[in-house]
Amino acid sequence: MASGSRLAPRKAPRQSRSTATVACILEAATRILDRDGLAGFNTNRVAEVAGVSVGSVYQYFPNKDALVAALVERAQNDLATGIESAIAACVDRPLDESLALLASLAVRQQYQRPLLAAALDHEEQRLPLGNRLRRTESRILRAIGRLLARHRASLDPHLPREAARDCFALTRALVEADVGRRRRPPPGLDTRIVRALLGYLRPARPPAVRAPRPRPAR
């Protein structure tokens, strides 16, 4: 497994030209993963698609794992920004509508470029990226926490402190379940996510008690 230091970029671009070069490299890597997945991904191929030398790639990224790590980090940052914006935009909406908006956002991000998403999900699990993703994960959990706080009165009063994390994990599990095998999301995936989240967040209903049938008169 690659160490954290091997995943760090060699240097950050400081001039407009170097910033453009790094952007071109990342876009080339994105296009390759989106089209071919991990099977066709290597630094030589990235350099070819980006129209730069392999040396230019290594000038900023010491290996392909470092390049993938940068893509994962960028994707997580985009997700965090999208969740923050969505939650800020649904201040006056009921809980189910707010959750539907978040579910739609998660599904859209995952299936907009499904091969890319599947590749980044795989690499996120394989590489030691915990420290690099902690900040964006904290942003996501804080935003979800704000949403739950708005609707505290309608939620189960015994929800654990980790409720925001549980909601995020549940959504990810449902969204990512079939992404490696499908080009389009399963029908009704948004609805399934909302139902699962509401089932977790709302107080459990007591089981219905059936009235005993009257005995026939003798």
N, C-alpha and C. Protein backbone atom coordinates (compact mmCIF):
# COMPACT_ATOMS: atom_id res chain seq x y z
N MET A 1 0.84 -1.20 0.00
CA MET A 1 0.00 0.00 0.00
C MET A 1 0.88 1.24 0.00
N ALA A 2 0.46 2.21 -0.78
CA ALA A 2 1.25 3.43 -0.88
C ALA A 2 1.18 4.19 0.44
N SER A 3 2.31 4.76 0.85
CA SER A 3 2.32 5.56 2.07
C SER A 3 1.76 6.93 1.79
N GLY A 4 1.40 7.64 2.88
CA GLY A 4 0.84 8.98 2.72
C GLY A 4 1.78 9.91 2.02
N SER A 5 3.10 9.79 2.30
CA SER A 5 4.06 10.70 1.68
C SER A 5 4.17 10.46 0.18
N ARG A 6 3.99 9.21 -0.26
CA ARG A 6 4.06 8.91 -1.69
C ARG A 6 2.85 9.44 -2.44
N LEU A 7 1.80 9.80 -1.72
CA LEU A 7 0.59 10.29 -2.37
C LEU A 7 0.57 11.81 -2.47
N ALA A 8 1.50 12.45 -1.81
CA ALA A 8 1.52 13.92 -1.83
C ALA A 8 2.09 14.42 -3.15
N PRO A 9 1.53 15.50 -3.70
CA PRO A 9 2.11 16.09 -4.91
C PRO A 9 3.55 16.53 -4.65
N ARG A 10 4.38 16.48 -5.69
CA ARG A 10 5.77 16.90 -5.52
C ARG A 10 5.87 18.38 -5.21
N LYS A 11 5.06 19.17 -5.90
CA LYS A 11 5.06 20.61 -5.65
C LYS A 11 3.74 21.19 -6.13
N ALA A 12 3.36 22.31 -5.58
CA ALA A 12 2.14 22.99 -5.99
C ALA A 12 2.46 23.98 -7.09
N PRO A 13 1.60 24.10 -8.09
CA PRO A 13 1.85 25.09 -9.15
C PRO A 13 1.75 26.50 -8.60
N ARG A 14 2.67 27.36 -9.01
CA ARG A 14 2.69 28.73 -8.48
C ARG A 14 2.44 29.78 -9.56
N GLN A 15 2.66 29.44 -10.80
CA GLN A 15 2.45 30.38 -11.89
C GLN A 15 1.29 29.92 -12.75
N SER A 16 0.74 30.83 -13.52
CA SER A 16 -0.43 30.50 -14.34
C SER A 16 -0.12 29.36 -15.31
N ARG A 17 1.09 29.34 -15.84
CA ARG A 17 1.45 28.30 -16.80
C ARG A 17 1.48 26.93 -16.12
N SER A 18 2.09 26.85 -14.94
CA SER A 18 2.16 25.57 -14.24
C SER A 18 0.78 25.16 -13.73
N THR A 19 -0.04 26.12 -13.35
CA THR A 19 -1.41 25.81 -12.94
C THR A 19 -2.18 25.21 -14.10
N ALA A 20 -2.00 25.76 -15.28
CA ALA A 20 -2.67 25.23 -16.47
C ALA A 20 -2.18 23.83 -16.80
N THR A 21 -0.89 23.58 -16.61
CA THR A 21 -0.34 22.26 -16.88
C THR A 21 -0.93 21.21 -15.94
N VAL A 22 -1.01 21.53 -14.66
CA VAL A 22 -1.59 20.60 -13.69
C VAL A 22 -3.06 20.36 -14.00
N ALA A 23 -3.79 21.41 -14.35
CA ALA A 23 -5.20 21.25 -14.70
C ALA A 23 -5.36 20.34 -15.92
N CYS A 24 -4.46 20.48 -16.88
CA CYS A 24 -4.50 19.65 -18.09
C CYS A 24 -4.21 18.19 -17.74
N ILE A 25 -3.26 17.96 -16.85
CA ILE A 25 -2.92 16.59 -16.43
C ILE A 25 -4.09 15.95 -15.70
N LEU A 26 -4.72 16.69 -14.80
CA LEU A 26 -5.86 16.15 -14.05
C LEU A 26 -7.04 15.87 -14.97
N GLU A 27 -7.26 16.74 -15.94
CA GLU A 27 -8.35 16.53 -16.87
C GLU A 27 -8.08 15.30 -17.75
N ALA A 28 -6.84 15.11 -18.16
CA ALA A 28 -6.49 13.92 -18.95
C ALA A 28 -6.71 12.66 -18.13
N ALA A 29 -6.29 12.68 -16.88
CA ALA A 29 -6.49 11.52 -16.01
C ALA A 29 -7.98 11.24 -15.84
N THR A 30 -8.77 12.29 -15.69
CA THR A 30 -10.22 12.13 -15.55
C THR A 30 -10.82 11.50 -16.79
N ARG A 31 -10.41 11.94 -17.95
CA ARG A 31 -10.96 11.40 -19.21
C ARG A 31 -10.61 9.94 -19.38
N ILE A 32 -9.40 9.56 -19.02
CA ILE A 32 -8.99 8.16 -19.15
C ILE A 32 -9.80 7.27 -18.22
N LEU A 33 -9.93 7.66 -16.97
CA LEU A 33 -10.70 6.86 -16.02
C LEU A 33 -12.16 6.81 -16.40
N ASP A 34 -12.69 7.89 -16.95
CA ASP A 34 -14.08 7.93 -17.35
C ASP A 34 -14.35 7.03 -18.54
N ARG A 35 -13.37 6.87 -19.39
CA ARG A 35 -13.56 6.07 -20.60
C ARG A 35 -13.14 4.62 -20.41
N ASP A 36 -12.02 4.39 -19.74
CA ASP A 36 -11.44 3.05 -19.67
C ASP A 36 -11.39 2.46 -18.26
N GLY A 37 -11.69 3.25 -17.24
CA GLY A 37 -11.53 2.77 -15.88
C GLY A 37 -10.05 2.63 -15.54
N LEU A 38 -9.79 1.85 -14.50
CA LEU A 38 -8.41 1.71 -14.02
C LEU A 38 -7.54 0.88 -14.95
N ALA A 39 -8.17 0.05 -15.79
CA ALA A 39 -7.39 -0.86 -16.64
C ALA A 39 -6.46 -0.11 -17.58
N GLY A 40 -6.88 1.04 -18.09
CA GLY A 40 -6.05 1.76 -19.05
C GLY A 40 -5.34 2.96 -18.46
N PHE A 41 -5.18 2.96 -17.13
CA PHE A 41 -4.66 4.15 -16.48
C PHE A 41 -3.20 3.99 -16.08
N ASN A 42 -2.34 4.85 -16.61
CA ASN A 42 -0.95 4.93 -16.18
C ASN A 42 -0.42 6.32 -16.55
N THR A 43 0.74 6.64 -16.01
CA THR A 43 1.27 7.99 -16.21
C THR A 43 1.65 8.25 -17.68
N ASN A 44 2.11 7.24 -18.39
CA ASN A 44 2.43 7.43 -19.80
C ASN A 44 1.19 7.80 -20.60
N ARG A 45 0.09 7.10 -20.30
CA ARG A 45 -1.16 7.38 -21.01
C ARG A 45 -1.67 8.77 -20.65
N VAL A 46 -1.55 9.15 -19.40
CA VAL A 46 -1.99 10.48 -18.97
C VAL A 46 -1.19 11.56 -19.70
N ALA A 47 0.11 11.37 -19.78
CA ALA A 47 0.95 12.35 -20.47
C ALA A 47 0.57 12.46 -21.94
N GLU A 48 0.28 11.30 -22.56
CA GLU A 48 -0.09 11.30 -23.98
C GLU A 48 -1.38 12.07 -24.21
N VAL A 49 -2.39 11.79 -23.39
CA VAL A 49 -3.69 12.46 -23.57
C VAL A 49 -3.58 13.94 -23.22
N ALA A 50 -2.77 14.27 -22.22
CA ALA A 50 -2.62 15.67 -21.81
C ALA A 50 -1.76 16.46 -22.80
N GLY A 51 -1.00 15.76 -23.64
CA GLY A 51 -0.13 16.46 -24.57
C GLY A 51 1.09 17.05 -23.92
N VAL A 52 1.58 16.40 -22.87
CA VAL A 52 2.79 16.85 -22.17
C VAL A 52 3.74 15.67 -22.06
N SER A 53 4.96 15.92 -21.64
CA SER A 53 5.92 14.85 -21.45
C SER A 53 5.64 14.12 -20.14
N VAL A 54 6.10 12.87 -20.05
CA VAL A 54 5.96 12.12 -18.80
C VAL A 54 6.70 12.86 -17.69
N GLY A 55 7.82 13.50 -18.03
CA GLY A 55 8.56 14.26 -17.05
C GLY A 55 7.73 15.38 -16.45
N SER A 56 6.85 15.98 -17.27
CA SER A 56 5.99 17.04 -16.75
C SER A 56 4.99 16.49 -15.74
N VAL A 57 4.50 15.27 -16.00
CA VAL A 57 3.60 14.63 -15.03
C VAL A 57 4.33 14.39 -13.72
N TYR A 58 5.55 13.80 -13.82
CA TYR A 58 6.31 13.49 -12.62
C TYR A 58 6.82 14.74 -11.90
N GLN A 59 6.85 15.84 -12.60
CA GLN A 59 7.27 17.08 -11.96
C GLN A 59 6.30 17.47 -10.84
N TYR A 60 5.03 17.09 -11.03
CA TYR A 60 4.02 17.45 -10.03
C TYR A 60 3.49 16.25 -9.25
N PHE A 61 3.48 15.06 -9.87
CA PHE A 61 2.94 13.86 -9.23
C PHE A 61 3.99 12.76 -9.29
N PRO A 62 4.46 12.25 -8.14
CA PRO A 62 5.56 11.29 -8.15
C PRO A 62 5.19 9.92 -8.73
N ASN A 63 3.91 9.61 -8.81
CA ASN A 63 3.46 8.31 -9.31
C ASN A 63 1.98 8.41 -9.62
N LYS A 64 1.42 7.34 -10.20
CA LYS A 64 0.01 7.40 -10.59
C LYS A 64 -0.91 7.40 -9.37
N ASP A 65 -0.46 6.80 -8.26
CA ASP A 65 -1.29 6.84 -7.05
C ASP A 65 -1.47 8.27 -6.55
N ALA A 66 -0.43 9.07 -6.62
CA ALA A 66 -0.54 10.46 -6.21
C ALA A 66 -1.50 11.22 -7.12
N LEU A 67 -1.50 10.87 -8.39
CA LEU A 67 -2.41 11.50 -9.34
C LEU A 67 -3.85 11.12 -9.02
N VAL A 68 -4.09 9.83 -8.75
CA VAL A 68 -5.44 9.38 -8.39
C VAL A 68 -5.88 10.02 -7.08
N ALA A 69 -4.97 10.13 -6.13
CA ALA A 69 -5.31 10.75 -4.84
C ALA A 69 -5.80 12.18 -5.04
N ALA A 70 -5.17 12.90 -5.95
CA ALA A 70 -5.59 14.28 -6.23
C ALA A 70 -7.00 14.29 -6.82
N LEU A 71 -7.32 13.31 -7.67
CA LEU A 71 -8.66 13.24 -8.25
C LEU A 71 -9.70 12.90 -7.20
N VAL A 72 -9.38 11.97 -6.31
CA VAL A 72 -10.31 11.61 -5.23
C VAL A 72 -10.58 12.82 -4.35
N GLU A 73 -9.51 13.53 -4.01
CA GLU A 73 -9.65 14.70 -3.15
C GLU A 73 -10.51 15.77 -3.83
N ARG A 74 -10.31 15.96 -5.11
CA ARG A 74 -11.10 16.95 -5.84
C ARG A 74 -12.57 16.54 -5.89
N ALA A 75 -12.84 15.25 -6.12
CA ALA A 75 -14.22 14.78 -6.18
C ALA A 75 -14.91 14.95 -4.83
N GLN A 76 -14.20 14.64 -3.75
CA GLN A 76 -14.79 14.80 -2.42
C GLN A 76 -15.06 16.27 -2.10
N ASN A 77 -14.16 17.12 -2.53
CA ASN A 77 -14.37 18.55 -2.31
C ASN A 77 -15.58 19.06 -3.08
N ASP A 78 -15.75 18.58 -4.32
CA ASP A 78 -16.92 18.96 -5.10
C ASP A 78 -18.20 18.47 -4.43
N LEU A 79 -18.17 17.24 -3.89
CA LEU A 79 -19.34 16.70 -3.20
C LEU A 79 -19.67 17.53 -1.97
N ALA A 80 -18.64 17.87 -1.18
CA ALA A 80 -18.86 18.67 0.02
C ALA A 80 -19.47 20.02 -0.33
N THR A 81 -18.96 20.66 -1.37
CA THR A 81 -19.49 21.96 -1.79
C THR A 81 -20.94 21.84 -2.25
N GLY A 82 -21.23 20.77 -2.99
CA GLY A 82 -22.60 20.55 -3.46
C GLY A 82 -23.57 20.32 -2.31
N ILE A 83 -23.17 19.52 -1.33
CA ILE A 83 -24.03 19.25 -0.17
C ILE A 83 -24.25 20.52 0.63
N GLU A 84 -23.21 21.29 0.87
CA GLU A 84 -23.35 22.54 1.61
C GLU A 84 -24.32 23.49 0.90
N SER A 85 -24.19 23.60 -0.41
CA SER A 85 -25.07 24.50 -1.17
C SER A 85 -26.51 24.01 -1.14
N ALA A 86 -26.70 22.70 -1.31
CA ALA A 86 -28.06 22.14 -1.32
C ALA A 86 -28.74 22.35 0.02
N ILE A 87 -28.03 22.10 1.10
CA ILE A 87 -28.63 22.26 2.44
C ILE A 87 -28.91 23.72 2.73
N ALA A 88 -28.05 24.61 2.28
CA ALA A 88 -28.31 26.04 2.47
C ALA A 88 -29.52 26.49 1.67
N ALA A 89 -29.78 25.83 0.54
CA ALA A 89 -30.89 26.24 -0.33
C ALA A 89 -32.24 25.69 0.11
N CYS A 90 -32.25 24.73 1.03
CA CYS A 90 -33.53 24.12 1.41
C CYS A 90 -33.88 24.43 2.86
N VAL A 91 -33.56 25.65 3.30
CA VAL A 91 -33.82 26.05 4.68
C VAL A 91 -35.29 25.91 5.04
N ASP A 92 -36.19 26.29 4.15
CA ASP A 92 -37.61 26.31 4.45
C ASP A 92 -38.35 25.08 3.93
N ARG A 93 -37.64 24.09 3.47
CA ARG A 93 -38.30 22.90 2.93
C ARG A 93 -38.49 21.86 4.02
N PRO A 94 -39.52 21.00 3.88
CA PRO A 94 -39.68 19.91 4.84
C PRO A 94 -38.55 18.90 4.71
N LEU A 95 -38.43 18.05 5.71
CA LEU A 95 -37.31 17.11 5.76
C LEU A 95 -37.29 16.18 4.56
N ASP A 96 -38.42 15.63 4.17
CA ASP A 96 -38.41 14.67 3.07
C ASP A 96 -37.97 15.32 1.76
N GLU A 97 -38.36 16.58 1.53
CA GLU A 97 -37.92 17.27 0.32
C GLU A 97 -36.42 17.56 0.37
N SER A 98 -35.93 17.93 1.54
CA SER A 98 -34.49 18.20 1.68
C SER A 98 -33.68 16.94 1.44
N LEU A 99 -34.14 15.82 1.98
CA LEU A 99 -33.44 14.55 1.76
C LEU A 99 -33.50 14.13 0.30
N ALA A 100 -34.64 14.40 -0.35
CA ALA A 100 -34.75 14.07 -1.78
C ALA A 100 -33.76 14.87 -2.60
N LEU A 101 -33.55 16.13 -2.23
CA LEU A 101 -32.58 16.97 -2.94
C LEU A 101 -31.17 16.42 -2.77
N LEU A 102 -30.83 16.01 -1.56
CA LEU A 102 -29.50 15.46 -1.30
C LEU A 102 -29.32 14.12 -2.00
N ALA A 103 -30.36 13.28 -2.00
CA ALA A 103 -30.28 11.99 -2.68
C ALA A 103 -30.05 12.18 -4.17
N SER A 104 -30.77 13.13 -4.76
CA SER A 104 -30.61 13.42 -6.18
C SER A 104 -29.19 13.89 -6.49
N LEU A 105 -28.64 14.72 -5.61
CA LEU A 105 -27.27 15.19 -5.79
C LEU A 105 -26.28 14.03 -5.75
N ALA A 106 -26.44 13.14 -4.78
CA ALA A 106 -25.51 12.01 -4.64
C ALA A 106 -25.59 11.08 -5.84
N VAL A 107 -26.81 10.80 -6.30
CA VAL A 107 -26.98 9.90 -7.45
C VAL A 107 -26.41 10.55 -8.71
N ARG A 108 -26.66 11.82 -8.88
CA ARG A 108 -26.17 12.52 -10.08
C ARG A 108 -24.65 12.53 -10.12
N GLN A 109 -24.01 12.79 -8.99
CA GLN A 109 -22.55 12.81 -9.00
C GLN A 109 -21.98 11.43 -9.30
N GLN A 110 -22.61 10.39 -8.78
CA GLN A 110 -22.08 9.05 -8.95
C GLN A 110 -22.29 8.52 -10.37
N TYR A 111 -23.42 8.86 -10.97
CA TYR A 111 -23.76 8.27 -12.27
C TYR A 111 -23.55 9.22 -13.45
N GLN A 112 -23.12 10.43 -13.18
CA GLN A 112 -22.83 11.33 -14.29
C GLN A 112 -21.66 10.79 -15.11
N ARG A 113 -20.65 10.25 -14.42
CA ARG A 113 -19.51 9.61 -15.07
C ARG A 113 -19.23 8.32 -14.29
N PRO A 114 -20.01 7.26 -14.54
CA PRO A 114 -20.01 6.09 -13.66
C PRO A 114 -18.69 5.33 -13.59
N LEU A 115 -17.97 5.18 -14.73
CA LEU A 115 -16.69 4.48 -14.68
C LEU A 115 -15.68 5.25 -13.85
N LEU A 116 -15.68 6.56 -14.00
CA LEU A 116 -14.80 7.40 -13.21
C LEU A 116 -15.14 7.28 -11.73
N ALA A 117 -16.43 7.37 -11.40
CA ALA A 117 -16.85 7.28 -10.00
C ALA A 117 -16.46 5.93 -9.40
N ALA A 118 -16.68 4.85 -10.15
CA ALA A 118 -16.34 3.52 -9.64
C ALA A 118 -14.83 3.40 -9.40
N ALA A 119 -14.04 3.94 -10.32
CA ALA A 119 -12.58 3.88 -10.17
C ALA A 119 -12.12 4.66 -8.95
N LEU A 120 -12.67 5.85 -8.76
CA LEU A 120 -12.26 6.67 -7.62
C LEU A 120 -12.72 6.05 -6.30
N ASP A 121 -13.91 5.44 -6.29
CA ASP A 121 -14.38 4.76 -5.09
C ASP A 121 -13.43 3.62 -4.72
N HIS A 122 -13.02 2.85 -5.73
CA HIS A 122 -12.10 1.74 -5.50
C HIS A 122 -10.77 2.23 -4.93
N GLU A 123 -10.24 3.28 -5.53
CA GLU A 123 -8.94 3.80 -5.10
C GLU A 123 -9.03 4.48 -3.73
N GLU A 124 -10.16 5.07 -3.44
CA GLU A 124 -10.33 5.68 -2.11
C GLU A 124 -10.23 4.63 -1.01
N GLN A 125 -10.76 3.43 -1.30
CA GLN A 125 -10.67 2.34 -0.32
C GLN A 125 -9.27 1.75 -0.26
N ARG A 126 -8.56 1.75 -1.37
CA ARG A 126 -7.25 1.11 -1.43
C ARG A 126 -6.14 1.97 -0.85
N LEU A 127 -6.20 3.25 -1.09
CA LEU A 127 -5.11 4.15 -0.71
C LEU A 127 -5.34 4.75 0.68
N PRO A 128 -4.27 5.03 1.41
CA PRO A 128 -4.39 5.64 2.75
C PRO A 128 -4.66 7.14 2.65
N LEU A 129 -5.92 7.47 2.40
CA LEU A 129 -6.28 8.87 2.16
C LEU A 129 -7.03 9.50 3.33
N GLY A 130 -7.09 8.79 4.46
CA GLY A 130 -7.89 9.28 5.58
C GLY A 130 -7.58 10.71 5.98
N ASN A 131 -6.30 11.02 6.16
CA ASN A 131 -5.94 12.37 6.60
C ASN A 131 -6.28 13.43 5.56
N ARG A 132 -6.09 13.11 4.29
CA ARG A 132 -6.34 14.09 3.24
C ARG A 132 -7.83 14.36 3.05
N LEU A 133 -8.67 13.36 3.36
CA LEU A 133 -10.11 13.52 3.15
C LEU A 133 -10.86 13.94 4.42
N ARG A 134 -10.13 14.01 5.52
CA ARG A 134 -10.81 14.30 6.79
C ARG A 134 -11.49 15.67 6.78
N ARG A 135 -10.85 16.65 6.17
CA ARG A 135 -11.43 18.00 6.17
C ARG A 135 -12.73 18.04 5.38
N THR A 136 -12.73 17.44 4.18
CA THR A 136 -13.95 17.46 3.38
C THR A 136 -15.04 16.62 4.03
N GLU A 137 -14.67 15.51 4.64
CA GLU A 137 -15.68 14.70 5.33
C GLU A 137 -16.29 15.49 6.49
N SER A 138 -15.48 16.24 7.21
CA SER A 138 -15.99 17.07 8.30
C SER A 138 -16.97 18.12 7.78
N ARG A 139 -16.66 18.70 6.63
CA ARG A 139 -17.58 19.66 6.03
C ARG A 139 -18.93 19.02 5.72
N ILE A 140 -18.88 17.81 5.16
CA ILE A 140 -20.12 17.10 4.81
C ILE A 140 -20.93 16.79 6.06
N LEU A 141 -20.27 16.28 7.09
CA LEU A 141 -20.98 15.89 8.31
C LEU A 141 -21.55 17.11 9.03
N ARG A 142 -20.83 18.22 9.02
CA ARG A 142 -21.36 19.43 9.64
C ARG A 142 -22.61 19.92 8.91
N ALA A 143 -22.57 19.86 7.58
CA ALA A 143 -23.73 20.31 6.79
C ALA A 143 -24.94 19.42 7.07
N ILE A 144 -24.74 18.10 7.08
CA ILE A 144 -25.85 17.19 7.37
C ILE A 144 -26.34 17.41 8.80
N GLY A 145 -25.42 17.66 9.71
CA GLY A 145 -25.80 17.95 11.09
C GLY A 145 -26.68 19.18 11.19
N ARG A 146 -26.39 20.21 10.39
CA ARG A 146 -27.23 21.41 10.39
C ARG A 146 -28.64 21.09 9.90
N LEU A 147 -28.71 20.24 8.88
CA LEU A 147 -30.03 19.84 8.37
C LEU A 147 -30.82 19.10 9.45
N LEU A 148 -30.20 18.17 10.13
CA LEU A 148 -30.90 17.42 11.17
C LEU A 148 -31.31 18.33 12.32
N ALA A 149 -30.48 19.30 12.64
CA ALA A 149 -30.82 20.22 13.73
C ALA A 149 -32.07 21.03 13.41
N ARG A 150 -32.25 21.40 12.14
CA ARG A 150 -33.44 22.15 11.75
C ARG A 150 -34.72 21.37 12.01
N HIS A 151 -34.63 20.06 11.88
CA HIS A 151 -35.82 19.22 11.95
C HIS A 151 -35.81 18.35 13.21
N ARG A 152 -35.12 18.82 14.23
CA ARG A 152 -34.95 18.02 15.45
C ARG A 152 -36.28 17.59 16.04
N ALA A 153 -37.29 18.46 15.97
CA ALA A 153 -38.57 18.16 16.62
C ALA A 153 -39.26 16.95 16.00
N SER A 154 -38.99 16.66 14.72
CA SER A 154 -39.66 15.55 14.06
C SER A 154 -38.82 14.28 14.01
N LEU A 155 -37.62 14.32 14.60
CA LEU A 155 -36.72 13.18 14.55
C LEU A 155 -36.84 12.33 15.81
N ASP A 156 -36.35 11.12 15.70
CA ASP A 156 -36.29 10.23 16.85
C ASP A 156 -35.42 10.89 17.93
N PRO A 157 -35.94 11.10 19.12
CA PRO A 157 -35.13 11.76 20.16
C PRO A 157 -33.96 10.92 20.64
N HIS A 158 -33.92 9.66 20.27
CA HIS A 158 -32.84 8.78 20.71
C HIS A 158 -31.79 8.54 19.62
N LEU A 159 -31.79 9.39 18.62
CA LEU A 159 -30.76 9.26 17.58
C LEU A 159 -29.37 9.38 18.20
N PRO A 160 -28.40 8.58 17.74
CA PRO A 160 -27.05 8.69 18.29
C PRO A 160 -26.35 9.96 17.82
N ARG A 161 -25.28 10.30 18.49
CA ARG A 161 -24.50 11.48 18.10
C ARG A 161 -23.94 11.33 16.68
N GLU A 162 -23.77 10.10 16.26
CA GLU A 162 -23.21 9.84 14.93
C GLU A 162 -24.27 9.81 13.84
N ALA A 163 -25.43 10.39 14.08
CA ALA A 163 -26.53 10.30 13.12
C ALA A 163 -26.15 10.88 11.76
N ALA A 164 -25.45 12.00 11.74
CA ALA A 164 -25.05 12.60 10.46
C ALA A 164 -24.11 11.66 9.70
N ARG A 165 -23.17 11.06 10.42
CA ARG A 165 -22.26 10.11 9.78
C ARG A 165 -23.01 8.89 9.27
N ASP A 166 -23.98 8.42 10.03
CA ASP A 166 -24.77 7.27 9.61
C ASP A 166 -25.55 7.58 8.34
N CYS A 167 -26.13 8.77 8.27
CA CYS A 167 -26.89 9.16 7.07
C CYS A 167 -25.99 9.21 5.85
N PHE A 168 -24.80 9.75 6.02
CA PHE A 168 -23.85 9.83 4.91
C PHE A 168 -23.43 8.43 4.47
N ALA A 169 -23.13 7.57 5.44
CA ALA A 169 -22.70 6.20 5.12
C ALA A 169 -23.82 5.42 4.44
N LEU A 170 -25.03 5.58 4.91
CA LEU A 170 -26.16 4.88 4.33
C LEU A 170 -26.40 5.31 2.89
N THR A 171 -26.32 6.61 2.66
CA THR A 171 -26.51 7.13 1.30
C THR A 171 -25.42 6.61 0.37
N ARG A 172 -24.18 6.65 0.82
CA ARG A 172 -23.08 6.17 -0.02
C ARG A 172 -23.23 4.69 -0.34
N ALA A 173 -23.63 3.91 0.66
CA ALA A 173 -23.78 2.47 0.43
C ALA A 173 -24.82 2.18 -0.64
N LEU A 174 -25.94 2.88 -0.60
CA LEU A 174 -26.99 2.65 -1.59
C LEU A 174 -26.58 3.17 -2.96
N VAL A 175 -25.93 4.31 -3.00
CA VAL A 175 -25.55 4.91 -4.29
C VAL A 175 -24.47 4.09 -4.98
N GLU A 176 -23.51 3.59 -4.20
CA GLU A 176 -22.36 2.92 -4.79
C GLU A 176 -22.57 1.43 -5.01
N ALA A 177 -23.71 0.89 -4.60
CA ALA A 177 -23.90 -0.55 -4.63
C ALA A 177 -23.77 -1.13 -6.04
N ASP A 178 -24.32 -0.45 -7.04
CA ASP A 178 -24.34 -1.01 -8.40
C ASP A 178 -23.57 -0.18 -9.41
N VAL A 179 -22.85 0.83 -8.94
CA VAL A 179 -22.27 1.78 -9.89
C VAL A 179 -21.23 1.13 -10.80
N GLY A 180 -20.55 0.08 -10.33
CA GLY A 180 -19.55 -0.57 -11.17
C GLY A 180 -20.14 -1.41 -12.28
N ARG A 181 -21.44 -1.73 -12.17
CA ARG A 181 -22.07 -2.60 -13.16
C ARG A 181 -23.10 -1.88 -14.02
N ARG A 182 -23.40 -0.65 -13.70
CA ARG A 182 -24.46 0.08 -14.41
C ARG A 182 -23.95 1.40 -14.97
N ARG A 183 -24.51 1.77 -16.10
CA ARG A 183 -24.23 3.09 -16.66
C ARG A 183 -25.25 4.11 -16.19
N ARG A 184 -26.43 3.61 -15.77
CA ARG A 184 -27.49 4.49 -15.30
C ARG A 184 -27.92 4.03 -13.91
N PRO A 185 -28.43 4.94 -13.10
CA PRO A 185 -28.86 4.53 -11.75
C PRO A 185 -30.05 3.59 -11.82
N PRO A 186 -30.16 2.67 -10.86
CA PRO A 186 -31.34 1.80 -10.82
C PRO A 186 -32.60 2.63 -10.69
N PRO A 187 -33.72 2.17 -11.26
CA PRO A 187 -34.97 2.94 -11.14
C PRO A 187 -35.35 3.15 -9.68
N GLY A 188 -35.76 4.37 -9.38
CA GLY A 188 -36.24 4.68 -8.04
C GLY A 188 -35.18 4.75 -6.97
N LEU A 189 -33.92 4.88 -7.36
CA LEU A 189 -32.85 4.91 -6.35
C LEU A 189 -33.00 6.10 -5.41
N ASP A 190 -33.34 7.26 -5.95
CA ASP A 190 -33.55 8.44 -5.09
C ASP A 190 -34.59 8.15 -4.01
N THR A 191 -35.70 7.55 -4.43
CA THR A 191 -36.78 7.26 -3.49
C THR A 191 -36.35 6.26 -2.43
N ARG A 192 -35.59 5.25 -2.84
CA ARG A 192 -35.10 4.26 -1.88
C ARG A 192 -34.20 4.90 -0.83
N ILE A 193 -33.36 5.82 -1.27
CA ILE A 193 -32.45 6.50 -0.33
C ILE A 193 -33.26 7.30 0.69
N VAL A 194 -34.25 8.05 0.20
CA VAL A 194 -35.05 8.88 1.10
C VAL A 194 -35.81 8.00 2.09
N ARG A 195 -36.39 6.92 1.61
CA ARG A 195 -37.14 6.03 2.50
C ARG A 195 -36.22 5.44 3.56
N ALA A 196 -35.02 5.04 3.16
CA ALA A 196 -34.08 4.47 4.13
C ALA A 196 -33.68 5.51 5.18
N LEU A 197 -33.43 6.73 4.74
CA LEU A 197 -33.03 7.79 5.68
C LEU A 197 -34.16 8.15 6.63
N LEU A 198 -35.38 8.27 6.09
CA LEU A 198 -36.52 8.59 6.96
C LEU A 198 -36.78 7.47 7.95
N GLY A 199 -36.61 6.22 7.51
CA GLY A 199 -36.79 5.10 8.43
C GLY A 199 -35.79 5.13 9.57
N TYR A 200 -34.60 5.63 9.28
CA TYR A 200 -33.57 5.74 10.32
C TYR A 200 -33.83 6.95 11.23
N LEU A 201 -34.27 8.05 10.66
CA LEU A 201 -34.35 9.31 11.40
C LEU A 201 -35.64 9.48 12.19
N ARG A 202 -36.74 8.97 11.68
CA ARG A 202 -38.02 9.19 12.33
C ARG A 202 -38.24 8.21 13.47
N PRO A 203 -39.04 8.60 14.46
CA PRO A 203 -39.33 7.67 15.56
C PRO A 203 -40.02 6.42 15.03
N ALA A 204 -39.66 5.29 15.61
CA ALA A 204 -40.26 4.03 15.20
C ALA A 204 -41.72 4.00 15.61
N ARG A 205 -42.58 3.53 14.71
CA ARG A 205 -43.99 3.41 15.04
C ARG A 205 -44.22 2.13 15.82
N PRO A 206 -45.05 2.21 16.86
CA PRO A 206 -45.34 0.97 17.59
C PRO A 206 -46.12 0.01 16.70
N PRO A 207 -45.93 -1.27 16.88
CA PRO A 207 -46.67 -2.23 16.04
C PRO A 207 -48.16 -2.10 16.25
N ALA A 208 -48.88 -2.23 15.15
CA ALA A 208 -50.33 -2.14 15.23
C ALA A 208 -50.89 -3.31 16.03
N VAL A 209 -51.81 -3.00 16.89
CA VAL A 209 -52.44 -4.03 17.72
C VAL A 209 -53.84 -4.27 17.18
N ARG A 210 -54.07 -5.50 16.80
CA ARG A 210 -55.38 -5.83 16.25
C ARG A 210 -56.36 -6.09 17.38
N ALA A 211 -57.55 -5.52 17.22
CA ALA A 211 -58.59 -5.78 18.20
C ALA A 211 -59.03 -7.22 18.12
N PRO A 212 -59.25 -7.85 19.25
CA PRO A 212 -59.70 -9.26 19.20
C PRO A 212 -61.05 -9.38 18.53
N ARG A 213 -61.19 -10.44 17.76
CA ARG A 213 -62.48 -10.66 17.09
C ARG A 213 -63.54 -11.08 18.12
N PRO A 214 -64.70 -10.52 17.98
CA PRO A 214 -65.75 -10.94 18.92
C PRO A 214 -66.10 -12.41 18.71
N ARG A 215 -66.31 -13.08 19.78
CA ARG A 215 -66.71 -14.48 19.69
C ARG A 215 -68.17 -14.60 19.27
N PRO A 216 -68.42 -15.52 18.40
CA PRO A 216 -69.83 -15.68 17.99
C PRO A 216 -70.71 -16.12 19.16
N ALA A 217 -71.91 -15.55 19.22
CA ALA A 217 -72.83 -15.91 20.28
C ALA A 217 -73.27 -17.36 20.16
N ARG A 218 -73.37 -18.03 21.27
CA ARG A 218 -73.82 -19.45 21.24
C ARG A 218 -75.35 -19.52 21.31
